[in-house]
Amino acid sequence: MAASICTPISTTLTDVTAFGGPRVAPALHQDVQHHPVLVHRVVDAAEDPPGGLLGQKWYEVTKYLSLTDHQFVLHLLQVNGTFWKGLPVDYQHALQKAADEAVVEYNRNARTNRTAEIAELKANGLDVNEIADKAPFIQAAAPYNREFIARLHLEPLAKAVETMAA
């Protein structure tokens, strides 16, 4: 019998076929539905980052968390192209500089917040499995991540992220 994994519905972020296979059956639910589907055992598992788990109080309905880091997740600042091109060049430069600075601050906060969120999840009784060898999870999600990057034309951004992570 296949395990049923609850994953968020998103036209840009989730292609549940990445979670599928002979032993996994994806189950789509809105984020607000994760808590009840876990409580009532409609699904066997769910996926979300630590902050989402904490905010939705998943520790009330599940006992275990495995940190796989399998998804390529981006938080994008998007600007309409026509609007951007209509801005004076000095405004474009100022906005780009502010966005670049925001990325550095966001990443710093994200690392700090993730550590604090995991500690809080543990304090609330979750047994957190900090997987040492994440490569199998990352490899399994690689086709989905490549498709996501291609579909949204994020190749230059993905390369920059890879360079920063190295």
Protein backbone atom coordinates (compact mmCIF):
# COMPACT_ATOMS: atom_id res chain seq x y z
CA MET A 1 0.00 0.00 0.00
CA ALA A 2 1.28 3.45 -0.89
CA ALA A 3 1.89 6.14 1.71
CA SER A 4 -0.23 9.24 1.17
CA ILE A 5 1.72 12.51 1.41
CA CYS A 6 -0.07 15.82 1.79
CA THR A 7 1.51 18.54 -0.32
CA PRO A 8 0.36 22.14 -0.89
CA ILE A 9 -1.59 23.04 -4.01
CA SER A 10 0.37 25.54 -6.08
CA THR A 11 0.47 26.12 -9.80
CA THR A 12 4.04 27.38 -9.60
CA LEU A 13 5.66 25.51 -6.73
CA THR A 14 4.31 21.98 -6.65
CA ASP A 15 4.29 19.29 -9.25
CA VAL A 16 3.18 16.38 -7.13
CA THR A 17 4.46 13.86 -9.65
CA ALA A 18 7.84 14.48 -8.00
CA PHE A 19 6.44 12.84 -4.87
CA GLY A 20 4.76 9.98 -6.72
CA GLY A 21 5.97 6.49 -7.33
CA PRO A 22 5.12 2.92 -6.47
CA ARG A 23 5.20 3.58 -2.71
CA VAL A 24 3.98 7.18 -2.53
CA ALA A 25 0.58 8.64 -3.45
CA PRO A 26 0.45 12.46 -3.40
CA ALA A 27 -2.65 14.06 -1.87
CA LEU A 28 -3.33 17.70 -2.69
CA HIS A 29 -4.74 19.90 0.06
CA GLN A 30 -4.81 23.61 0.71
CA ASP A 31 -2.37 24.65 3.46
CA VAL A 32 -5.26 25.32 5.82
CA GLN A 33 -6.33 21.69 5.38
CA HIS A 34 -3.03 20.12 6.43
CA HIS A 35 -3.85 20.14 10.12
CA PRO A 36 -7.24 18.36 9.80
CA VAL A 37 -6.04 15.82 7.22
CA LEU A 38 -3.24 14.84 9.59
CA VAL A 39 -5.55 14.77 12.63
CA HIS A 40 -8.05 12.50 10.88
CA ARG A 41 -5.31 10.40 9.26
CA VAL A 42 -6.50 11.16 5.74
CA VAL A 43 -2.81 11.20 4.84
CA ASP A 44 0.25 9.46 6.28
CA ALA A 45 2.64 12.40 5.98
CA ALA A 46 2.94 16.00 4.83
CA GLU A 47 5.63 18.35 3.64
CA ASP A 48 6.34 21.95 4.51
CA PRO A 49 9.33 23.96 5.80
CA PRO A 50 9.86 24.30 9.58
CA GLY A 51 8.24 27.75 9.71
CA GLY A 52 5.10 26.44 8.07
CA LEU A 53 4.99 23.47 10.42
CA LEU A 54 5.33 25.75 13.40
CA GLY A 55 2.78 28.30 12.23
CA GLN A 56 0.21 25.60 11.53
CA LYS A 57 0.97 23.80 14.81
CA TRP A 58 1.72 20.48 13.13
CA TYR A 59 3.42 19.39 16.36
CA GLU A 60 -0.12 18.96 17.70
CA VAL A 61 -0.93 16.26 15.14
CA THR A 62 2.34 14.59 14.24
CA LYS A 63 5.33 13.26 16.13
CA TYR A 64 8.10 13.18 13.55
CA LEU A 65 9.88 15.62 11.24
CA SER A 66 12.59 14.69 8.74
CA LEU A 67 14.62 17.55 7.29
CA THR A 68 15.39 16.58 3.68
CA ASP A 69 15.98 19.98 1.97
CA HIS A 70 14.72 18.43 -1.27
CA GLN A 71 12.95 21.44 -2.75
CA PHE A 72 14.36 24.39 -4.65
CA VAL A 73 12.37 27.18 -3.03
CA LEU A 74 12.60 30.81 -4.01
CA HIS A 75 10.90 33.84 -2.56
CA LEU A 76 10.78 36.21 -5.47
CA LEU A 77 10.41 39.95 -5.66
CA GLN A 78 8.61 40.46 -8.93
CA VAL A 79 8.02 43.69 -10.82
CA ASN A 80 5.94 44.14 -13.95
CA GLY A 81 8.36 44.45 -16.89
CA THR A 82 6.55 47.36 -18.51
CA PHE A 83 6.52 49.24 -15.20
CA TRP A 84 10.23 48.50 -14.62
CA LYS A 85 11.24 49.65 -18.09
CA GLY A 86 9.24 52.83 -17.56
CA LEU A 87 11.23 53.77 -14.47
CA PRO A 88 14.17 56.17 -14.80
CA VAL A 89 17.49 54.29 -14.78
CA ASP A 90 18.53 55.82 -11.45
CA TYR A 91 15.30 54.48 -9.88
CA GLN A 92 15.99 51.05 -11.36
CA HIS A 93 19.51 51.07 -9.89
CA ALA A 94 18.24 52.21 -6.49
CA LEU A 95 15.53 49.53 -6.41
CA GLN A 96 17.96 46.84 -7.57
CA LYS A 97 20.46 47.87 -4.87
CA ALA A 98 17.72 47.72 -2.22
CA ALA A 99 16.58 44.30 -3.49
CA ASP A 100 20.17 42.97 -3.43
CA GLU A 101 20.57 44.19 0.16
CA ALA A 102 17.21 42.65 1.09
CA VAL A 103 18.36 39.26 -0.24
CA VAL A 104 21.41 39.28 2.03
CA GLU A 105 19.27 40.23 5.04
CA TYR A 106 16.52 37.75 4.15
CA ASN A 107 19.01 34.88 3.85
CA ARG A 108 20.64 35.79 7.17
CA ASN A 109 17.24 35.91 8.86
CA ALA A 110 16.09 32.69 7.16
CA ARG A 111 19.08 30.76 8.55
CA THR A 112 18.56 32.20 12.03
CA ASN A 113 14.79 31.67 11.90
CA ARG A 114 15.13 28.09 10.64
CA THR A 115 17.38 27.20 13.58
CA ALA A 116 14.97 28.83 16.04
CA GLU A 117 11.93 27.21 14.37
CA ILE A 118 13.48 23.75 14.57
CA ALA A 119 14.35 24.31 18.23
CA GLU A 120 10.77 25.39 18.93
CA LEU A 121 9.35 22.36 17.09
CA LYS A 122 11.57 20.13 19.23
CA ALA A 123 10.47 21.98 22.38
CA ASN A 124 6.87 21.26 21.35
CA GLY A 125 7.60 17.53 21.26
CA LEU A 126 8.49 16.83 17.64
CA ASP A 127 11.16 14.21 17.10
CA VAL A 128 13.33 15.93 14.48
CA ASN A 129 15.39 13.74 12.17
CA GLU A 130 18.19 15.92 10.82
CA ILE A 131 19.16 13.68 7.91
CA ALA A 132 22.90 13.63 7.32
CA ASP A 133 22.81 12.24 3.76
CA LYS A 134 20.26 14.40 1.96
CA ALA A 135 21.57 13.48 -1.49
CA PRO A 136 18.93 10.77 -2.20
CA PHE A 137 16.11 13.23 -1.43
CA ILE A 138 17.68 15.99 -3.49
CA GLN A 139 18.29 13.57 -6.40
CA ALA A 140 14.71 12.30 -6.26
CA ALA A 141 13.38 15.87 -6.48
CA ALA A 142 15.90 17.00 -9.12
CA PRO A 143 13.62 16.40 -12.15
CA TYR A 144 10.84 18.42 -10.51
CA ASN A 145 13.26 21.21 -9.56
CA ARG A 146 14.65 21.37 -13.12
CA GLU A 147 11.10 21.52 -14.54
CA PHE A 148 10.13 24.23 -12.05
CA ILE A 149 13.20 26.30 -12.95
CA ALA A 150 12.60 25.89 -16.69
CA ARG A 151 8.85 26.58 -16.50
CA LEU A 152 9.44 29.88 -14.70
CA HIS A 153 12.58 30.77 -16.72
CA LEU A 154 14.74 30.91 -13.59
CA GLU A 155 17.94 29.40 -15.00
CA PRO A 156 20.17 32.45 -14.30
CA LEU A 157 18.76 32.77 -10.79
CA ALA A 158 19.20 29.04 -10.11
CA LYS A 159 22.82 29.23 -11.26
CA ALA A 160 23.43 32.19 -8.94
CA VAL A 161 21.89 30.27 -6.03
CA GLU A 162 24.08 27.23 -6.79
CA THR A 163 27.16 29.46 -6.89
CA MET A 164 26.25 31.07 -3.56
CA ALA A 165 25.64 27.66 -1.96
CA ALA A 166 28.97 26.23 -3.10
